[in-house]
């Protein structure tokens, strides 16, 4: 009985810590994806002499970002504009990250 109680107590302490580490890792991976998209958008702006680009012009086998995968079911903007922050929402259904200005 004491062993079961100790295991239950350890589990109660470990699960919130695991969830916090998992959320932090997801946020870092999403931030890296945003940085990759921002760099690709900047390259596009310079090459094309424009200040806006669609997501579909950045990601694909013949574009700037060859492969791209979601980390935690987040949603990225469809369009990027120079000088505007990139806002990714719905990370694990609850968090939002803003990158840039």
PDB file of N, CA and C in Angstrom:
ATOM      1  N   UNK A   1       0.824  -1.187   0.000  1.00  0.00           N
ATOM      2  CA  UNK A   1       0.000   0.000   0.000  1.00  0.00           C
ATOM      3  C   UNK A   1       0.874   1.259   0.000  1.00  0.00           C
ATOM      4  N   UNK A   2       1.933   1.253   0.761  1.00  0.00           N
ATOM      5  CA  UNK A   2       2.829   2.402   0.818  1.00  0.00           C
ATOM      6  C   UNK A   2       3.541   2.591  -0.518  1.00  0.00           C
ATOM      7  N   UNK A   3       3.921   1.498  -1.147  1.00  0.00           N
ATOM      8  CA  UNK A   3       4.600   1.559  -2.438  1.00  0.00           C
ATOM      9  C   UNK A   3       3.688   2.193  -3.484  1.00  0.00           C
ATOM     10  N   UNK A   4       2.418   1.815  -3.509  1.00  0.00           N
ATOM     11  CA  UNK A   4       1.456   2.379  -4.456  1.00  0.00           C
ATOM     12  C   UNK A   4       1.290   3.874  -4.213  1.00  0.00           C
ATOM     13  N   UNK A   5       1.240   4.281  -2.984  1.00  0.00           N
ATOM     14  CA  UNK A   5       1.107   5.693  -2.635  1.00  0.00           C
ATOM     15  C   UNK A   5       2.330   6.481  -3.091  1.00  0.00           C
ATOM     16  N   UNK A   6       3.502   5.928  -2.887  1.00  0.00           N
ATOM     17  CA  UNK A   6       4.736   6.610  -3.299  1.00  0.00           C
ATOM     18  C   UNK A   6       4.785   6.729  -4.822  1.00  0.00           C
ATOM     19  N   UNK A   7       4.423   5.678  -5.521  1.00  0.00           N
ATOM     20  CA  UNK A   7       4.421   5.719  -6.988  1.00  0.00           C
ATOM     21  C   UNK A   7       3.405   6.753  -7.479  1.00  0.00           C
ATOM     22  N   UNK A   8       2.246   6.787  -6.870  1.00  0.00           N
ATOM     23  CA  UNK A   8       1.230   7.784  -7.234  1.00  0.00           C
ATOM     24  C   UNK A   8       1.715   9.202  -6.993  1.00  0.00           C
ATOM     25  N   UNK A   9       2.387   9.426  -5.894  1.00  0.00           N
ATOM     26  CA  UNK A   9       2.922  10.745  -5.564  1.00  0.00           C
ATOM     27  C   UNK A   9       4.005  11.155  -6.554  1.00  0.00           C
ATOM     28  N   UNK A  10       4.887  10.240  -6.906  1.00  0.00           N
ATOM     29  CA  UNK A  10       5.939  10.529  -7.891  1.00  0.00           C
ATOM     30  C   UNK A  10       5.333  10.843  -9.252  1.00  0.00           C
ATOM     31  N   UNK A  11       4.309  10.105  -9.624  1.00  0.00           N
ATOM     32  CA  UNK A  11       3.619  10.364 -10.893  1.00  0.00           C
ATOM     33  C   UNK A  11       2.958  11.731 -10.903  1.00  0.00           C
ATOM     34  N   UNK A  12       2.353  12.107  -9.787  1.00  0.00           N
ATOM     35  CA  UNK A  12       1.697  13.409  -9.687  1.00  0.00           C
ATOM     36  C   UNK A  12       2.698  14.549  -9.812  1.00  0.00           C
ATOM     37  N   UNK A  13       3.919  14.332  -9.387  1.00  0.00           N
ATOM     38  CA  UNK A  13       4.957  15.360  -9.507  1.00  0.00           C
ATOM     39  C   UNK A  13       5.593  15.368 -10.894  1.00  0.00           C
ATOM     40  N   UNK A  14       5.717  14.199 -11.501  1.00  0.00           N
ATOM     41  CA  UNK A  14       6.427  14.087 -12.775  1.00  0.00           C
ATOM     42  C   UNK A  14       5.596  14.551 -13.969  1.00  0.00           C
ATOM     43  N   UNK A  15       4.310  14.321 -13.978  1.00  0.00           N
ATOM     44  CA  UNK A  15       3.488  14.653 -15.143  1.00  0.00           C
ATOM     45  C   UNK A  15       3.472  16.152 -15.439  1.00  0.00           C
ATOM     46  N   UNK A  16       3.246  17.034 -14.474  1.00  0.00           N
ATOM     47  CA  UNK A  16       3.284  18.473 -14.791  1.00  0.00           C
ATOM     48  C   UNK A  16       4.668  18.931 -15.276  1.00  0.00           C
ATOM     49  N   UNK A  17       5.715  18.372 -14.728  1.00  0.00           N
ATOM     50  CA  UNK A  17       7.063  18.735 -15.163  1.00  0.00           C
ATOM     51  C   UNK A  17       7.285  18.283 -16.603  1.00  0.00           C
ATOM     52  N   UNK A  18       6.829  17.093 -16.940  1.00  0.00           N
ATOM     53  CA  UNK A  18       6.944  16.585 -18.306  1.00  0.00           C
ATOM     54  C   UNK A  18       6.175  17.472 -19.281  1.00  0.00           C
ATOM     55  N   UNK A  19       4.959  17.871 -18.912  1.00  0.00           N
ATOM     56  CA  UNK A  19       4.154  18.726 -19.784  1.00  0.00           C
ATOM     57  C   UNK A  19       4.804  20.083 -20.008  1.00  0.00           C
ATOM     58  N   UNK A  20       5.433  20.621 -18.994  1.00  0.00           N
ATOM     59  CA  UNK A  20       6.113  21.909 -19.126  1.00  0.00           C
ATOM     60  C   UNK A  20       7.311  21.798 -20.081  1.00  0.00           C
ATOM     61  N   UNK A  21       8.087  20.753 -19.942  1.00  0.00           N
ATOM     62  CA  UNK A  21       9.236  20.538 -20.821  1.00  0.00           C
ATOM     63  C   UNK A  21       8.762  20.311 -22.257  1.00  0.00           C
ATOM     64  N   UNK A  22       7.701  19.556 -22.426  1.00  0.00           N
ATOM     65  CA  UNK A  22       7.152  19.294 -23.761  1.00  0.00           C
ATOM     66  C   UNK A  22       6.671  20.583 -24.421  1.00  0.00           C
ATOM     67  N   UNK A  23       5.966  21.429 -23.687  1.00  0.00           N
ATOM     68  CA  UNK A  23       5.485  22.707 -24.228  1.00  0.00           C
ATOM     69  C   UNK A  23       6.651  23.599 -24.619  1.00  0.00           C
ATOM     70  N   UNK A  24       7.683  23.626 -23.805  1.00  0.00           N
ATOM     71  CA  UNK A  24       8.867  24.427 -24.111  1.00  0.00           C
ATOM     72  C   UNK A  24       9.556  23.933 -25.378  1.00  0.00           C
ATOM     73  N   UNK A  25       9.669  22.630 -25.533  1.00  0.00           N
ATOM     74  CA  UNK A  25      10.289  22.059 -26.734  1.00  0.00           C
ATOM     75  C   UNK A  25       9.458  22.366 -27.977  1.00  0.00           C
ATOM     76  N   UNK A  26       8.146  22.289 -27.858  1.00  0.00           N
ATOM     77  CA  UNK A  26       7.278  22.625 -28.983  1.00  0.00           C
ATOM     78  C   UNK A  26       7.441  24.087 -29.375  1.00  0.00           C
ATOM     79  N   UNK A  27       7.469  24.972 -28.404  1.00  0.00           N
ATOM     80  CA  UNK A  27       7.625  26.402 -28.675  1.00  0.00           C
ATOM     81  C   UNK A  27       8.956  26.696 -29.371  1.00  0.00           C
ATOM     82  N   UNK A  28      10.007  26.034 -28.949  1.00  0.00           N
ATOM     83  CA  UNK A  28      11.314  26.232 -29.584  1.00  0.00           C
ATOM     84  C   UNK A  28      11.309  25.729 -31.022  1.00  0.00           C
ATOM     85  N   UNK A  29      10.679  24.598 -31.266  1.00  0.00           N
ATOM     86  CA  UNK A  29      10.605  24.057 -32.624  1.00  0.00           C
ATOM     87  C   UNK A  29       9.778  24.966 -33.527  1.00  0.00           C
ATOM     88  N   UNK A  30       8.675  25.490 -33.022  1.00  0.00           N
ATOM     89  CA  UNK A  30       7.845  26.417 -33.801  1.00  0.00           C
ATOM     90  C   UNK A  30       8.619  27.698 -34.086  1.00  0.00           C
ATOM     91  N   UNK A  31       9.348  28.206 -33.103  1.00  0.00           N
ATOM     92  CA  UNK A  31      10.166  29.403 -33.308  1.00  0.00           C
ATOM     93  C   UNK A  31      11.214  29.164 -34.390  1.00  0.00           C
ATOM     94  N   UNK A  32      11.811  27.993 -34.408  1.00  0.00           N
ATOM     95  CA  UNK A  32      12.777  27.664 -35.462  1.00  0.00           C
ATOM     96  C   UNK A  32      12.094  27.618 -36.827  1.00  0.00           C
ATOM     97  N   UNK A  33      10.882  27.076 -36.897  1.00  0.00           N
ATOM     98  CA  UNK A  33      10.132  27.083 -38.155  1.00  0.00           C
ATOM     99  C   UNK A  33       9.844  28.512 -38.611  1.00  0.00           C
ATOM    100  N   UNK A  34       9.466  29.373 -37.672  1.00  0.00           N
ATOM    101  CA  UNK A  34       9.174  30.767 -38.009  1.00  0.00           C
ATOM    102  C   UNK A  34      10.439  31.453 -38.533  1.00  0.00           C
ATOM    103  N   UNK A  35      11.563  31.221 -37.886  1.00  0.00           N
ATOM    104  CA  UNK A  35      12.823  31.816 -38.347  1.00  0.00           C
ATOM    105  C   UNK A  35      13.161  31.363 -39.762  1.00  0.00           C
ATOM    106  N   UNK A  36      12.932  30.098 -40.037  1.00  0.00           N
ATOM    107  CA  UNK A  36      13.181  29.559 -41.366  1.00  0.00           C
ATOM    108  C   UNK A  36      12.290  30.247 -42.398  1.00  0.00           C
ATOM    109  N   UNK A  37      11.006  30.403 -42.077  1.00  0.00           N
ATOM    110  CA  UNK A  37      10.083  31.080 -42.983  1.00  0.00           C
ATOM    111  C   UNK A  37      10.440  32.551 -43.154  1.00  0.00           C
ATOM    112  N   UNK A  38      10.849  33.210 -42.072  1.00  0.00           N
ATOM    113  CA  UNK A  38      11.225  34.627 -42.149  1.00  0.00           C
ATOM    114  C   UNK A  38      12.447  34.803 -43.038  1.00  0.00           C
ATOM    115  N   UNK A  39      13.418  33.925 -42.917  1.00  0.00           N
ATOM    116  CA  UNK A  39      14.615  34.009 -43.760  1.00  0.00           C
ATOM    117  C   UNK A  39      14.257  33.762 -45.223  1.00  0.00           C
ATOM    118  N   UNK A  40      13.383  32.792 -45.476  1.00  0.00           N
ATOM    119  CA  UNK A  40      12.947  32.510 -46.840  1.00  0.00           C
ATOM    120  C   UNK A  40      12.184  33.698 -47.414  1.00  0.00           C
ATOM    121  N   UNK A  41      11.333  34.314 -46.614  1.00  0.00           N
ATOM    122  CA  UNK A  41      10.577  35.485 -47.072  1.00  0.00           C
ATOM    123  C   UNK A  41      11.518  36.636 -47.384  1.00  0.00           C
ATOM    124  N   UNK A  42      12.509  36.873 -46.542  1.00  0.00           N
ATOM    125  CA  UNK A  42      13.482  37.945 -46.801  1.00  0.00           C
ATOM    126  C   UNK A  42      14.235  37.696 -48.105  1.00  0.00           C
ATOM    127  N   UNK A  43      14.609  36.456 -48.337  1.00  0.00           N
ATOM    128  CA  UNK A  43      15.298  36.109 -49.582  1.00  0.00           C
ATOM    129  C   UNK A  43      14.381  36.380 -50.778  1.00  0.00           C
ATOM    130  N   UNK A  44      13.127  36.011 -50.658  1.00  0.00           N
ATOM    131  CA  UNK A  44      12.151  36.250 -51.723  1.00  0.00           C
ATOM    132  C   UNK A  44      12.001  37.747 -51.986  1.00  0.00           C
ATOM    133  N   UNK A  45      11.872  38.539 -50.913  1.00  0.00           N
ATOM    134  CA  UNK A  45      11.722  39.996 -51.071  1.00  0.00           C
ATOM    135  C   UNK A  45      12.898  40.573 -51.855  1.00  0.00           C
ATOM    136  N   UNK A  46      14.109  40.148 -51.509  1.00  0.00           N
ATOM    137  CA  UNK A  46      15.297  40.675 -52.180  1.00  0.00           C
ATOM    138  C   UNK A  46      15.355  40.252 -53.645  1.00  0.00           C
ATOM    139  N   UNK A  47      15.054  38.997 -53.909  1.00  0.00           N
ATOM    140  CA  UNK A  47      15.145  38.502 -55.279  1.00  0.00           C
ATOM    141  C   UNK A  47      14.061  39.066 -56.189  1.00  0.00           C
ATOM    142  N   UNK A  48      12.861  39.206 -55.664  1.00  0.00           N
ATOM    143  CA  UNK A  48      11.724  39.621 -56.488  1.00  0.00           C
ATOM    144  C   UNK A  48      11.448  41.120 -56.410  1.00  0.00           C
ATOM    145  N   UNK A  49      12.078  41.818 -55.478  1.00  0.00           N
ATOM    146  CA  UNK A  49      11.852  43.249 -55.334  1.00  0.00           C
ATOM    147  C   UNK A  49      10.450  43.592 -54.872  1.00  0.00           C
ATOM    148  N   UNK A  50       9.904  42.756 -54.022  1.00  0.00           N
ATOM    149  CA  UNK A  50       8.557  42.957 -53.510  1.00  0.00           C
ATOM    150  C   UNK A  50       8.584  42.929 -51.985  1.00  0.00           C
ATOM    151  N   UNK A  51       7.470  43.252 -51.364  1.00  0.00           N
ATOM    152  CA  UNK A  51       7.421  43.269 -49.905  1.00  0.00           C
ATOM    153  C   UNK A  51       6.415  42.312 -49.327  1.00  0.00           C
ATOM    154  N   UNK A  52       5.868  41.418 -50.158  1.00  0.00           N
ATOM    155  CA  UNK A  52       4.885  40.450 -49.676  1.00  0.00           C
ATOM    156  C   UNK A  52       5.057  39.140 -50.435  1.00  0.00           C
ATOM    157  N   UNK A  53       4.726  38.045 -49.757  1.00  0.00           N
ATOM    158  CA  UNK A  53       4.839  36.728 -50.384  1.00  0.00           C
ATOM    159  C   UNK A  53       3.848  35.779 -49.717  1.00  0.00           C
ATOM    160  N   UNK A  54       3.345  34.835 -50.508  1.00  0.00           N
ATOM    161  CA  UNK A  54       2.448  33.805 -49.992  1.00  0.00           C
ATOM    162  C   UNK A  54       3.250  32.625 -49.458  1.00  0.00           C
ATOM    163  N   UNK A  55       2.701  31.962 -48.486  1.00  0.00           N
ATOM    164  CA  UNK A  55       3.317  30.770 -47.903  1.00  0.00           C
ATOM    165  C   UNK A  55       3.635  29.754 -48.995  1.00  0.00           C
ATOM    166  N   UNK A  56       2.731  29.610 -49.961  1.00  0.00           N
ATOM    167  CA  UNK A  56       2.907  28.622 -51.022  1.00  0.00           C
ATOM    168  C   UNK A  56       4.077  28.941 -51.942  1.00  0.00           C
ATOM    169  N   UNK A  57       4.559  30.184 -51.940  1.00  0.00           N
ATOM    170  CA  UNK A  57       5.720  30.562 -52.746  1.00  0.00           C
ATOM    171  C   UNK A  57       7.026  30.359 -51.986  1.00  0.00           C
ATOM    172  N   UNK A  58       6.928  30.000 -50.716  1.00  0.00           N
ATOM    173  CA  UNK A  58       8.122  29.795 -49.892  1.00  0.00           C
ATOM    174  C   UNK A  58       8.426  28.321 -49.658  1.00  0.00           C
ATOM    175  N   UNK A  59       7.384  27.506 -49.571  1.00  0.00           N
ATOM    176  CA  UNK A  59       7.553  26.108 -49.162  1.00  0.00           C
ATOM    177  C   UNK A  59       7.196  25.171 -50.312  1.00  0.00           C
ATOM    178  N   UNK A  60       8.104  24.267 -50.624  1.00  0.00           N
ATOM    179  CA  UNK A  60       7.886  23.265 -51.662  1.00  0.00           C
ATOM    180  C   UNK A  60       9.224  22.781 -52.192  1.00  0.00           C
ATOM    181  N   UNK A  61       9.209  21.714 -52.925  1.00  0.00           N
ATOM    182  CA  UNK A  61      10.457  21.101 -53.373  1.00  0.00           C
ATOM    183  C   UNK A  61      11.286  22.008 -54.276  1.00  0.00           C
ATOM    184  N   UNK A  62      10.663  22.951 -54.958  1.00  0.00           N
ATOM    185  CA  UNK A  62      11.422  23.858 -55.834  1.00  0.00           C
ATOM    186  C   UNK A  62      11.457  25.286 -55.308  1.00  0.00           C
ATOM    187  N   UNK A  63      11.147  25.465 -54.013  1.00  0.00           N
ATOM    188  CA  UNK A  63      11.136  26.803 -53.418  1.00  0.00           C
ATOM    189  C   UNK A  63      12.225  26.928 -52.358  1.00  0.00           C
ATOM    190  N   UNK A  64      12.124  27.919 -51.516  1.00  0.00           N
ATOM    191  CA  UNK A  64      13.167  28.254 -50.546  1.00  0.00           C
ATOM    192  C   UNK A  64      13.253  27.260 -49.387  1.00  0.00           C
ATOM    193  N   UNK A  65      12.111  26.789 -48.919  1.00  0.00           N
ATOM    194  CA  UNK A  65      12.062  25.805 -47.838  1.00  0.00           C
ATOM    195  C   UNK A  65      11.598  24.496 -48.467  1.00  0.00           C
ATOM    196  N   UNK A  66      12.477  23.520 -48.526  1.00  0.00           N
ATOM    197  CA  UNK A  66      12.187  22.276 -49.243  1.00  0.00           C
ATOM    198  C   UNK A  66      11.135  21.416 -48.554  1.00  0.00           C
ATOM    199  N   UNK A  67      11.218  21.298 -47.253  1.00  0.00           N
ATOM    200  CA  UNK A  67      10.225  20.512 -46.521  1.00  0.00           C
ATOM    201  C   UNK A  67       9.853  21.255 -45.249  1.00  0.00           C
ATOM    202  N   UNK A  68       8.630  21.071 -44.829  1.00  0.00           N
ATOM    203  CA  UNK A  68       8.112  21.803 -43.685  1.00  0.00           C
ATOM    204  C   UNK A  68       7.072  20.930 -43.006  1.00  0.00           C
ATOM    205  N   UNK A  69       7.198  20.755 -41.704  1.00  0.00           N
ATOM    206  CA  UNK A  69       6.211  19.950 -40.984  1.00  0.00           C
ATOM    207  C   UNK A  69       5.747  20.684 -39.735  1.00  0.00           C
ATOM    208  N   UNK A  70       4.499  20.445 -39.398  1.00  0.00           N
ATOM    209  CA  UNK A  70       3.922  21.048 -38.198  1.00  0.00           C
ATOM    210  C   UNK A  70       4.463  20.339 -36.966  1.00  0.00           C
ATOM    211  N   UNK A  71       4.569  21.088 -35.889  1.00  0.00           N
ATOM    212  CA  UNK A  71       5.102  20.553 -34.636  1.00  0.00           C
ATOM    213  C   UNK A  71       3.981  20.156 -33.687  1.00  0.00           C
ATOM    214  N   UNK A  72       3.029  21.063 -33.488  1.00  0.00           N
ATOM    215  CA  UNK A  72       1.973  20.833 -32.502  1.00  0.00           C
ATOM    216  C   UNK A  72       0.623  21.300 -33.042  1.00  0.00           C
ATOM    217  N   UNK A  73       0.360  20.986 -34.307  1.00  0.00           N
ATOM    218  CA  UNK A  73      -0.909  21.324 -34.942  1.00  0.00           C
ATOM    219  C   UNK A  73      -1.154  22.836 -34.994  1.00  0.00           C
ATOM    220  N   UNK A  74      -0.084  23.607 -35.122  1.00  0.00           N
ATOM    221  CA  UNK A  74      -0.189  25.061 -35.179  1.00  0.00           C
ATOM    222  C   UNK A  74      -0.574  25.528 -36.578  1.00  0.00           C
ATOM    223  N   UNK A  75      -0.977  26.789 -36.697  1.00  0.00           N
ATOM    224  CA  UNK A  75      -1.324  27.326 -38.019  1.00  0.00           C
ATOM    225  C   UNK A  75      -0.465  28.559 -38.309  1.00  0.00           C
ATOM    226  N   UNK A  76       0.154  28.531 -39.483  1.00  0.00           N
ATOM    227  CA  UNK A  76       1.027  29.604 -39.936  1.00  0.00           C
ATOM    228  C   UNK A  76       0.243  30.535 -40.856  1.00  0.00           C
ATOM    229  N   UNK A  77       0.646  31.805 -40.946  1.00  0.00           N
ATOM    230  CA  UNK A  77      -0.054  32.731 -41.834  1.00  0.00           C
ATOM    231  C   UNK A  77       0.088  32.305 -43.296  1.00  0.00           C
ATOM    232  N   UNK A  78      -0.904  32.660 -44.109  1.00  0.00           N
ATOM    233  CA  UNK A  78      -0.852  32.358 -45.537  1.00  0.00           C
ATOM    234  C   UNK A  78      -0.016  33.371 -46.301  1.00  0.00           C
ATOM    235  N   UNK A  79       0.131  34.586 -45.750  1.00  0.00           N
ATOM    236  CA  UNK A  79       0.888  35.648 -46.417  1.00  0.00           C
ATOM    237  C   UNK A  79       1.842  36.312 -45.428  1.00  0.00           C
ATOM    238  N   UNK A  80       2.986  36.755 -45.965  1.00  0.00           N
ATOM    239  CA  UNK A  80       4.004  37.419 -45.162  1.00  0.00           C
ATOM    240  C   UNK A  80       4.300  38.771 -45.793  1.00  0.00           C
ATOM    241  N   UNK A  81       4.418  39.795 -44.957  1.00  0.00           N
ATOM    242  CA  UNK A  81       4.698  41.151 -45.421  1.00  0.00           C
ATOM    243  C   UNK A  81       5.941  41.655 -44.720  1.00  0.00           C
ATOM    244  N   UNK A  82       6.828  42.274 -45.490  1.00  0.00           N
ATOM    245  CA  UNK A  82       8.071  42.809 -44.922  1.00  0.00           C
ATOM    246  C   UNK A  82       7.753  43.810 -43.816  1.00  0.00           C
ATOM    247  N   UNK A  83       8.475  43.698 -42.720  1.00  0.00           N
ATOM    248  CA  UNK A  83       8.310  44.620 -41.605  1.00  0.00           C
ATOM    249  C   UNK A  83       7.187  44.271 -40.650  1.00  0.00           C
ATOM    250  N   UNK A  84       6.427  43.241 -40.938  1.00  0.00           N
ATOM    251  CA  UNK A  84       5.330  42.821 -40.067  1.00  0.00           C
ATOM    252  C   UNK A  84       5.719  41.551 -39.311  1.00  0.00           C
ATOM    253  N   UNK A  85       5.316  41.435 -38.054  1.00  0.00           N
ATOM    254  CA  UNK A  85       5.654  40.218 -37.305  1.00  0.00           C
ATOM    255  C   UNK A  85       4.914  39.000 -37.868  1.00  0.00           C
ATOM    256  N   UNK A  86       5.515  37.854 -37.704  1.00  0.00           N
ATOM    257  CA  UNK A  86       4.881  36.587 -38.076  1.00  0.00           C
ATOM    258  C   UNK A  86       4.253  36.018 -36.806  1.00  0.00           C
ATOM    259  N   UNK A  87       2.951  35.779 -36.862  1.00  0.00           N
ATOM    260  CA  UNK A  87       2.223  35.284 -35.696  1.00  0.00           C
ATOM    261  C   UNK A  87       1.703  33.887 -36.000  1.00  0.00           C
ATOM    262  N   UNK A  88       2.122  32.938 -35.187  1.00  0.00           N
ATOM    263  CA  UNK A  88       1.686  31.545 -35.322  1.00  0.00           C
ATOM    264  C   UNK A  88       0.792  31.236 -34.135  1.00  0.00           C
ATOM    265  N   UNK A  89      -0.405  30.740 -34.423  1.00  0.00           N
ATOM    266  CA  UNK A  89      -1.362  30.474 -33.354  1.00  0.00           C
ATOM    267  C   UNK A  89      -1.743  29.002 -33.309  1.00  0.00           C
ATOM    268  N   UNK A  90      -2.422  28.645 -32.250  1.00  0.00           N
ATOM    269  CA  UNK A  90      -2.933  27.295 -32.104  1.00  0.00           C
ATOM    270  C   UNK A  90      -1.888  26.244 -31.777  1.00  0.00           C
ATOM    271  N   UNK A  91      -0.779  26.658 -31.192  1.00  0.00           N
ATOM    272  CA  UNK A  91       0.260  25.694 -30.826  1.00  0.00           C
ATOM    273  C   UNK A  91      -0.300  24.818 -29.713  1.00  0.00           C
ATOM    274  N   UNK A  92      -0.446  23.551 -30.002  1.00  0.00           N
ATOM    275  CA  UNK A  92      -1.068  22.590 -29.079  1.00  0.00           C
ATOM    276  C   UNK A  92      -2.471  23.066 -28.688  1.00  0.00           C
ATOM    277  N   UNK A  93      -3.073  23.868 -29.555  1.00  0.00           N
ATOM    278  CA  UNK A  93      -4.433  24.341 -29.328  1.00  0.00           C
ATOM    279  C   UNK A  93      -4.581  25.500 -28.373  1.00  0.00           C
ATOM    280  N   UNK A  94      -3.476  25.972 -27.773  1.00  0.00           N
ATOM    281  CA  UNK A  94      -3.623  27.001 -26.743  1.00  0.00           C
ATOM    282  C   UNK A  94      -2.629  28.158 -26.825  1.00  0.00           C
ATOM    283  N   UNK A  95      -1.465  27.971 -27.414  1.00  0.00           N
ATOM    284  CA  UNK A  95      -0.428  29.004 -27.348  1.00  0.00           C
ATOM    285  C   UNK A  95      -0.256  29.724 -28.683  1.00  0.00           C
ATOM    286  N   UNK A  96       0.286  30.944 -28.612  1.00  0.00           N
ATOM    287  CA  UNK A  96       0.592  31.759 -29.781  1.00  0.00           C
ATOM    288  C   UNK A  96       2.014  32.300 -29.638  1.00  0.00           C
ATOM    289  N   UNK A  97       2.743  32.327 -30.766  1.00  0.00           N
ATOM    290  CA  UNK A  97       4.092  32.885 -30.771  1.00  0.00           C
ATOM    291  C   UNK A  97       4.156  33.945 -31.859  1.00  0.00           C
ATOM    292  N   UNK A  98       4.751  35.080 -31.512  1.00  0.00           N
ATOM    293  CA  UNK A  98       4.959  36.157 -32.463  1.00  0.00           C
ATOM    294  C   UNK A  98       6.466  36.327 -32.667  1.00  0.00           C
ATOM    295  N   UNK A  99       6.874  36.505 -33.933  1.00  0.00           N
ATOM    296  CA  UNK A  99       8.309  36.641 -34.255  1.00  0.00           C
ATOM    297  C   UNK A  99       8.497  37.843 -35.146  1.00  0.00           C
ATOM    298  N   UNK A 100       9.463  38.665 -34.809  1.00  0.00           N
ATOM    299  CA  UNK A 100       9.767  39.846 -35.617  1.00  0.00           C
ATOM    300  C   UNK A 100       9.250  41.096 -34.945  1.00  0.00           C
ATOM    301  N   UNK A 101       9.392  42.183 -35.657  1.00  0.00           N
ATOM    302  CA  UNK A 101       9.028  43.523 -35.148  1.00  0.00           C
ATOM    303  C   UNK A 101       8.204  43.419 -33.939  1.00  0.00           C
TER     304      UNK A 101
END
